[in-house]
Amino acid sequence: MKYLRQFGIILAVTCAGEIMKYFIPLAIPGSIYGLILMFVLLLTRAIKVEHVKETGEFLIEIMPLMFIPAGAGLITSWSQLQSFLAPLLVITILSTFIVMIVTGKVTDFLISRRREKK
């Protein structure tokens, strides 16, 4: 029953994010609104981490399964992707490195800031 309650909380926040998508006129997916909403609710402690921890960990563990339909979709549309595969690969590789560098710099900054406070 605990897991159903935790999943219900996650599902309700996700649903609220989808509803927000229709009322906020920005080109942002509802899932992103849901993530931001969950983040704010966790920060303000309106939802405690313990209320969603086990189900959240389970969903993270099965996340690779969620990529199977996307991979199958890529395989079925391979003929359409071939025409712009080279630019797509360059963009993907560059954006991956940029994200890795920015994430590393932000992490270094936050770690050094935490050490200065101690």
N, C-alpha and C. Protein backbone atom coordinates (compact mmCIF):
# COMPACT_ATOMS: atom_id res chain seq x y z
N MET A 1 0.82 -1.19 0.00
CA MET A 1 0.00 0.00 0.00
C MET A 1 0.87 1.27 0.00
N LYS A 2 2.02 1.17 0.68
CA LYS A 2 2.93 2.31 0.75
C LYS A 2 3.42 2.69 -0.64
N TYR A 3 3.73 1.67 -1.45
CA TYR A 3 4.23 1.94 -2.80
C TYR A 3 3.16 2.56 -3.69
N LEU A 4 1.92 2.12 -3.51
CA LEU A 4 0.83 2.71 -4.29
C LEU A 4 0.64 4.18 -3.92
N ARG A 5 0.74 4.50 -2.65
CA ARG A 5 0.61 5.89 -2.21
C ARG A 5 1.76 6.72 -2.79
N GLN A 6 2.98 6.19 -2.73
CA GLN A 6 4.12 6.93 -3.28
C GLN A 6 3.97 7.13 -4.78
N PHE A 7 3.54 6.08 -5.48
CA PHE A 7 3.34 6.20 -6.92
C PHE A 7 2.22 7.18 -7.22
N GLY A 8 1.19 7.19 -6.39
CA GLY A 8 0.09 8.13 -6.57
C GLY A 8 0.55 9.57 -6.43
N ILE A 9 1.44 9.83 -5.48
CA ILE A 9 1.97 11.18 -5.30
C ILE A 9 2.76 11.60 -6.54
N ILE A 10 3.63 10.71 -7.01
CA ILE A 10 4.43 11.02 -8.21
C ILE A 10 3.52 11.22 -9.41
N LEU A 11 2.51 10.37 -9.55
CA LEU A 11 1.58 10.48 -10.67
C LEU A 11 0.76 11.76 -10.59
N ALA A 12 0.34 12.16 -9.38
CA ALA A 12 -0.43 13.39 -9.21
C ALA A 12 0.40 14.62 -9.58
N VAL A 13 1.67 14.63 -9.19
CA VAL A 13 2.54 15.76 -9.53
C VAL A 13 2.78 15.79 -11.04
N THR A 14 2.95 14.63 -11.64
CA THR A 14 3.13 14.56 -13.09
C THR A 14 1.89 15.05 -13.81
N CYS A 15 0.73 14.64 -13.32
CA CYS A 15 -0.54 15.08 -13.90
C CYS A 15 -0.71 16.59 -13.75
N ALA A 16 -0.33 17.13 -12.60
CA ALA A 16 -0.40 18.58 -12.38
C ALA A 16 0.51 19.31 -13.36
N GLY A 17 1.67 18.72 -13.65
CA GLY A 17 2.57 19.31 -14.64
C GLY A 17 1.95 19.34 -16.02
N GLU A 18 1.25 18.27 -16.38
CA GLU A 18 0.58 18.22 -17.68
C GLU A 18 -0.54 19.25 -17.75
N ILE A 19 -1.25 19.44 -16.66
CA ILE A 19 -2.31 20.45 -16.62
C ILE A 19 -1.71 21.85 -16.73
N MET A 20 -0.58 22.07 -16.05
CA MET A 20 0.09 23.37 -16.11
C MET A 20 0.49 23.73 -17.54
N LYS A 21 0.83 22.70 -18.32
CA LYS A 21 1.25 22.93 -19.70
C LYS A 21 0.16 23.65 -20.50
N TYR A 22 -1.08 23.35 -20.20
CA TYR A 22 -2.18 23.96 -20.94
C TYR A 22 -2.49 25.38 -20.49
N PHE A 23 -2.11 25.74 -19.27
CA PHE A 23 -2.41 27.07 -18.75
C PHE A 23 -1.25 28.04 -18.87
N ILE A 24 -0.04 27.53 -19.02
CA ILE A 24 1.14 28.40 -19.17
C ILE A 24 1.56 28.35 -20.63
N PRO A 25 1.49 29.45 -21.34
CA PRO A 25 1.71 29.45 -22.80
C PRO A 25 3.20 29.46 -23.19
N LEU A 26 3.94 28.48 -22.73
CA LEU A 26 5.35 28.35 -23.12
C LEU A 26 5.52 27.01 -23.82
N ALA A 27 6.55 26.91 -24.63
CA ALA A 27 6.82 25.67 -25.35
C ALA A 27 7.65 24.73 -24.48
N ILE A 28 7.10 24.38 -23.32
CA ILE A 28 7.78 23.50 -22.38
C ILE A 28 6.90 22.28 -22.17
N PRO A 29 7.45 21.07 -22.28
CA PRO A 29 6.63 19.86 -22.08
C PRO A 29 6.08 19.78 -20.66
N GLY A 30 4.94 19.13 -20.54
CA GLY A 30 4.32 18.96 -19.24
C GLY A 30 5.18 18.18 -18.26
N SER A 31 5.98 17.26 -18.77
CA SER A 31 6.85 16.48 -17.88
C SER A 31 7.89 17.36 -17.20
N ILE A 32 8.34 18.39 -17.89
CA ILE A 32 9.30 19.33 -17.28
C ILE A 32 8.63 20.15 -16.19
N TYR A 33 7.39 20.59 -16.47
CA TYR A 33 6.63 21.27 -15.42
C TYR A 33 6.47 20.37 -14.21
N GLY A 34 6.19 19.09 -14.44
CA GLY A 34 6.05 18.15 -13.35
C GLY A 34 7.33 17.99 -12.55
N LEU A 35 8.46 17.92 -13.24
CA LEU A 35 9.75 17.81 -12.55
C LEU A 35 10.03 19.05 -11.71
N ILE A 36 9.77 20.22 -12.28
CA ILE A 36 10.00 21.46 -11.54
C ILE A 36 9.05 21.53 -10.34
N LEU A 37 7.80 21.14 -10.55
CA LEU A 37 6.84 21.15 -9.45
C LEU A 37 7.26 20.20 -8.34
N MET A 38 7.71 18.98 -8.70
CA MET A 38 8.18 18.03 -7.69
C MET A 38 9.39 18.59 -6.95
N PHE A 39 10.30 19.22 -7.68
CA PHE A 39 11.48 19.82 -7.07
C PHE A 39 11.09 20.88 -6.05
N VAL A 40 10.16 21.75 -6.44
CA VAL A 40 9.72 22.82 -5.53
C VAL A 40 9.01 22.22 -4.32
N LEU A 41 8.17 21.22 -4.53
CA LEU A 41 7.47 20.59 -3.41
C LEU A 41 8.44 19.90 -2.45
N LEU A 42 9.49 19.30 -2.99
CA LEU A 42 10.50 18.68 -2.14
C LEU A 42 11.33 19.73 -1.40
N LEU A 43 11.67 20.82 -2.09
CA LEU A 43 12.44 21.89 -1.44
C LEU A 43 11.67 22.54 -0.31
N THR A 44 10.39 22.78 -0.53
CA THR A 44 9.58 23.43 0.49
C THR A 44 9.08 22.44 1.54
N ARG A 45 9.42 21.18 1.36
CA ARG A 45 9.02 20.10 2.26
C ARG A 45 7.51 19.91 2.33
N ALA A 46 6.80 20.35 1.28
CA ALA A 46 5.37 20.05 1.18
C ALA A 46 5.21 18.54 0.96
N ILE A 47 6.16 17.96 0.25
CA ILE A 47 6.28 16.52 0.11
C ILE A 47 7.63 16.15 0.67
N LYS A 48 7.66 15.24 1.61
CA LYS A 48 8.93 14.80 2.17
C LYS A 48 9.52 13.71 1.28
N VAL A 49 10.84 13.65 1.26
CA VAL A 49 11.53 12.66 0.43
C VAL A 49 11.07 11.25 0.79
N GLU A 50 10.83 11.01 2.05
CA GLU A 50 10.40 9.67 2.48
C GLU A 50 9.07 9.27 1.86
N HIS A 51 8.26 10.26 1.45
CA HIS A 51 6.95 9.96 0.87
C HIS A 51 7.04 9.44 -0.55
N VAL A 52 8.19 9.60 -1.21
CA VAL A 52 8.33 9.16 -2.60
C VAL A 52 9.64 8.41 -2.86
N LYS A 53 10.44 8.18 -1.84
CA LYS A 53 11.80 7.66 -2.03
C LYS A 53 11.85 6.28 -2.67
N GLU A 54 11.16 5.30 -2.10
CA GLU A 54 11.27 3.92 -2.60
C GLU A 54 10.74 3.80 -4.02
N THR A 55 9.59 4.40 -4.29
CA THR A 55 9.03 4.32 -5.64
C THR A 55 9.90 5.09 -6.63
N GLY A 56 10.44 6.23 -6.21
CA GLY A 56 11.34 6.98 -7.08
C GLY A 56 12.59 6.19 -7.43
N GLU A 57 13.14 5.50 -6.44
CA GLU A 57 14.32 4.66 -6.70
C GLU A 57 13.97 3.52 -7.65
N PHE A 58 12.79 2.93 -7.47
CA PHE A 58 12.36 1.85 -8.37
C PHE A 58 12.23 2.37 -9.80
N LEU A 59 11.62 3.53 -9.97
CA LEU A 59 11.45 4.09 -11.31
C LEU A 59 12.79 4.42 -11.96
N ILE A 60 13.75 4.85 -11.15
CA ILE A 60 15.09 5.11 -11.70
C ILE A 60 15.75 3.80 -12.12
N GLU A 61 15.55 2.73 -11.33
CA GLU A 61 16.15 1.44 -11.66
C GLU A 61 15.62 0.87 -12.97
N ILE A 62 14.33 1.09 -13.26
CA ILE A 62 13.76 0.53 -14.49
C ILE A 62 13.80 1.51 -15.66
N MET A 63 14.46 2.66 -15.46
CA MET A 63 14.51 3.67 -16.52
C MET A 63 15.06 3.15 -17.85
N PRO A 64 16.08 2.28 -17.86
CA PRO A 64 16.55 1.79 -19.16
C PRO A 64 15.45 1.12 -19.98
N LEU A 65 14.49 0.51 -19.34
CA LEU A 65 13.38 -0.10 -20.08
C LEU A 65 12.57 0.94 -20.84
N MET A 66 12.53 2.15 -20.33
CA MET A 66 11.75 3.21 -20.96
C MET A 66 12.36 3.67 -22.27
N PHE A 67 13.64 3.34 -22.52
CA PHE A 67 14.29 3.74 -23.75
C PHE A 67 14.08 2.74 -24.89
N ILE A 68 13.52 1.58 -24.59
CA ILE A 68 13.29 0.58 -25.63
C ILE A 68 12.34 1.09 -26.71
N PRO A 69 11.19 1.68 -26.37
CA PRO A 69 10.31 2.20 -27.44
C PRO A 69 10.98 3.29 -28.27
N ALA A 70 11.76 4.16 -27.64
CA ALA A 70 12.45 5.21 -28.40
C ALA A 70 13.47 4.59 -29.35
N GLY A 71 14.18 3.57 -28.89
CA GLY A 71 15.14 2.89 -29.77
C GLY A 71 14.45 2.19 -30.92
N ALA A 72 13.32 1.58 -30.65
CA ALA A 72 12.56 0.94 -31.72
C ALA A 72 12.05 1.97 -32.72
N GLY A 73 11.66 3.13 -32.22
CA GLY A 73 11.22 4.20 -33.11
C GLY A 73 12.35 4.70 -34.00
N LEU A 74 13.56 4.76 -33.45
CA LEU A 74 14.72 5.16 -34.27
C LEU A 74 15.01 4.13 -35.36
N ILE A 75 14.87 2.87 -35.02
CA ILE A 75 15.13 1.83 -36.00
C ILE A 75 14.11 1.89 -37.13
N THR A 76 12.85 2.11 -36.78
CA THR A 76 11.81 2.15 -37.82
C THR A 76 11.92 3.39 -38.70
N SER A 77 12.50 4.47 -38.21
CA SER A 77 12.63 5.68 -39.01
C SER A 77 14.07 5.89 -39.50
N TRP A 78 14.83 4.83 -39.58
CA TRP A 78 16.23 4.92 -39.99
C TRP A 78 16.39 5.55 -41.37
N SER A 79 15.52 5.22 -42.31
CA SER A 79 15.65 5.76 -43.67
C SER A 79 15.50 7.27 -43.67
N GLN A 80 14.68 7.82 -42.80
CA GLN A 80 14.51 9.26 -42.74
C GLN A 80 15.69 9.93 -42.03
N LEU A 81 16.34 9.22 -41.12
CA LEU A 81 17.46 9.78 -40.37
C LEU A 81 18.76 9.81 -41.16
N GLN A 82 18.90 8.93 -42.14
CA GLN A 82 20.16 8.81 -42.86
C GLN A 82 20.56 10.10 -43.57
N SER A 83 19.59 10.88 -44.02
CA SER A 83 19.92 12.08 -44.78
C SER A 83 20.62 13.14 -43.94
N PHE A 84 20.37 13.18 -42.65
CA PHE A 84 21.02 14.18 -41.80
C PHE A 84 21.69 13.54 -40.59
N LEU A 85 22.23 12.34 -40.78
CA LEU A 85 22.87 11.60 -39.69
C LEU A 85 24.17 12.27 -39.22
N ALA A 86 25.00 12.73 -40.15
CA ALA A 86 26.28 13.35 -39.78
C ALA A 86 26.07 14.60 -38.92
N PRO A 87 25.23 15.56 -39.35
CA PRO A 87 25.01 16.73 -38.48
C PRO A 87 24.39 16.34 -37.14
N LEU A 88 23.53 15.36 -37.14
CA LEU A 88 22.89 14.91 -35.90
C LEU A 88 23.92 14.34 -34.93
N LEU A 89 24.86 13.55 -35.44
CA LEU A 89 25.90 12.98 -34.60
C LEU A 89 26.82 14.07 -34.05
N VAL A 90 27.19 15.04 -34.88
CA VAL A 90 28.06 16.13 -34.43
C VAL A 90 27.36 16.93 -33.33
N ILE A 91 26.10 17.27 -33.55
CA ILE A 91 25.34 18.03 -32.55
C ILE A 91 25.21 17.24 -31.27
N THR A 92 24.93 15.94 -31.37
CA THR A 92 24.78 15.10 -30.18
C THR A 92 26.08 15.02 -29.39
N ILE A 93 27.19 14.81 -30.08
CA ILE A 93 28.48 14.69 -29.39
C ILE A 93 28.87 16.02 -28.75
N LEU A 94 28.72 17.11 -29.50
CA LEU A 94 29.07 18.43 -28.95
C LEU A 94 28.20 18.79 -27.74
N SER A 95 26.90 18.56 -27.86
CA SER A 95 26.03 18.92 -26.75
C SER A 95 26.30 18.04 -25.53
N THR A 96 26.67 16.78 -25.76
CA THR A 96 27.01 15.90 -24.65
C THR A 96 28.23 16.42 -23.91
N PHE A 97 29.27 16.81 -24.64
CA PHE A 97 30.47 17.34 -24.01
C PHE A 97 30.19 18.66 -23.30
N ILE A 98 29.38 19.51 -23.90
CA ILE A 98 29.05 20.79 -23.26
C ILE A 98 28.31 20.55 -21.95
N VAL A 99 27.35 19.62 -21.96
CA VAL A 99 26.60 19.31 -20.74
C VAL A 99 27.53 18.73 -19.68
N MET A 100 28.46 17.85 -20.08
CA MET A 100 29.40 17.26 -19.12
C MET A 100 30.30 18.34 -18.51
N ILE A 101 30.80 19.25 -19.33
CA ILE A 101 31.68 20.30 -18.83
C ILE A 101 30.93 21.24 -17.89
N VAL A 102 29.75 21.67 -18.30
CA VAL A 102 28.96 22.58 -17.45
C VAL A 102 28.59 21.90 -16.14
N THR A 103 28.18 20.64 -16.21
CA THR A 103 27.84 19.91 -14.99
C THR A 103 29.03 19.78 -14.06
N GLY A 104 30.20 19.48 -14.61
CA GLY A 104 31.41 19.38 -13.81
C GLY A 104 31.77 20.70 -13.15
N LYS A 105 31.68 21.79 -13.91
CA LYS A 105 32.01 23.12 -13.36
C LYS A 105 31.03 23.51 -12.25
N VAL A 106 29.75 23.26 -12.47
CA VAL A 106 28.75 23.59 -11.44
C VAL A 106 28.99 22.74 -10.20
N THR A 107 29.29 21.47 -10.38
CA THR A 107 29.56 20.59 -9.25
C THR A 107 30.79 21.06 -8.49
N ASP A 108 31.87 21.39 -9.21
CA ASP A 108 33.07 21.92 -8.55
C ASP A 108 32.76 23.18 -7.76
N PHE A 109 31.98 24.08 -8.35
CA PHE A 109 31.61 25.32 -7.67
C PHE A 109 30.83 25.02 -6.39
N LEU A 110 29.85 24.12 -6.48
CA LEU A 110 29.03 23.82 -5.31
C LEU A 110 29.84 23.11 -4.22
N ILE A 111 30.75 22.22 -4.61
CA ILE A 111 31.60 21.55 -3.62
C ILE A 111 32.52 22.55 -2.93
N SER A 112 33.13 23.45 -3.71
CA SER A 112 34.03 24.43 -3.08
C SER A 112 33.24 25.40 -2.21
N ARG A 113 32.05 25.72 -2.61
CA ARG A 113 31.20 26.61 -1.78
C ARG A 113 30.82 25.93 -0.48
N ARG A 114 30.52 24.64 -0.54
CA ARG A 114 30.17 23.90 0.68
C ARG A 114 31.36 23.81 1.61
N ARG A 115 32.57 23.61 1.06
CA ARG A 115 33.78 23.54 1.89
C ARG A 115 34.09 24.86 2.55
N GLU A 116 33.81 25.99 1.86
CA GLU A 116 34.06 27.31 2.44
C GLU A 116 33.14 27.57 3.62
N LYS A 117 31.93 27.03 3.60
CA LYS A 117 30.98 27.24 4.69
C LYS A 117 31.39 26.49 5.95
N LYS A 118 32.12 25.39 5.81
CA LYS A 118 32.50 24.58 6.98
C LYS A 118 33.66 25.16 7.69
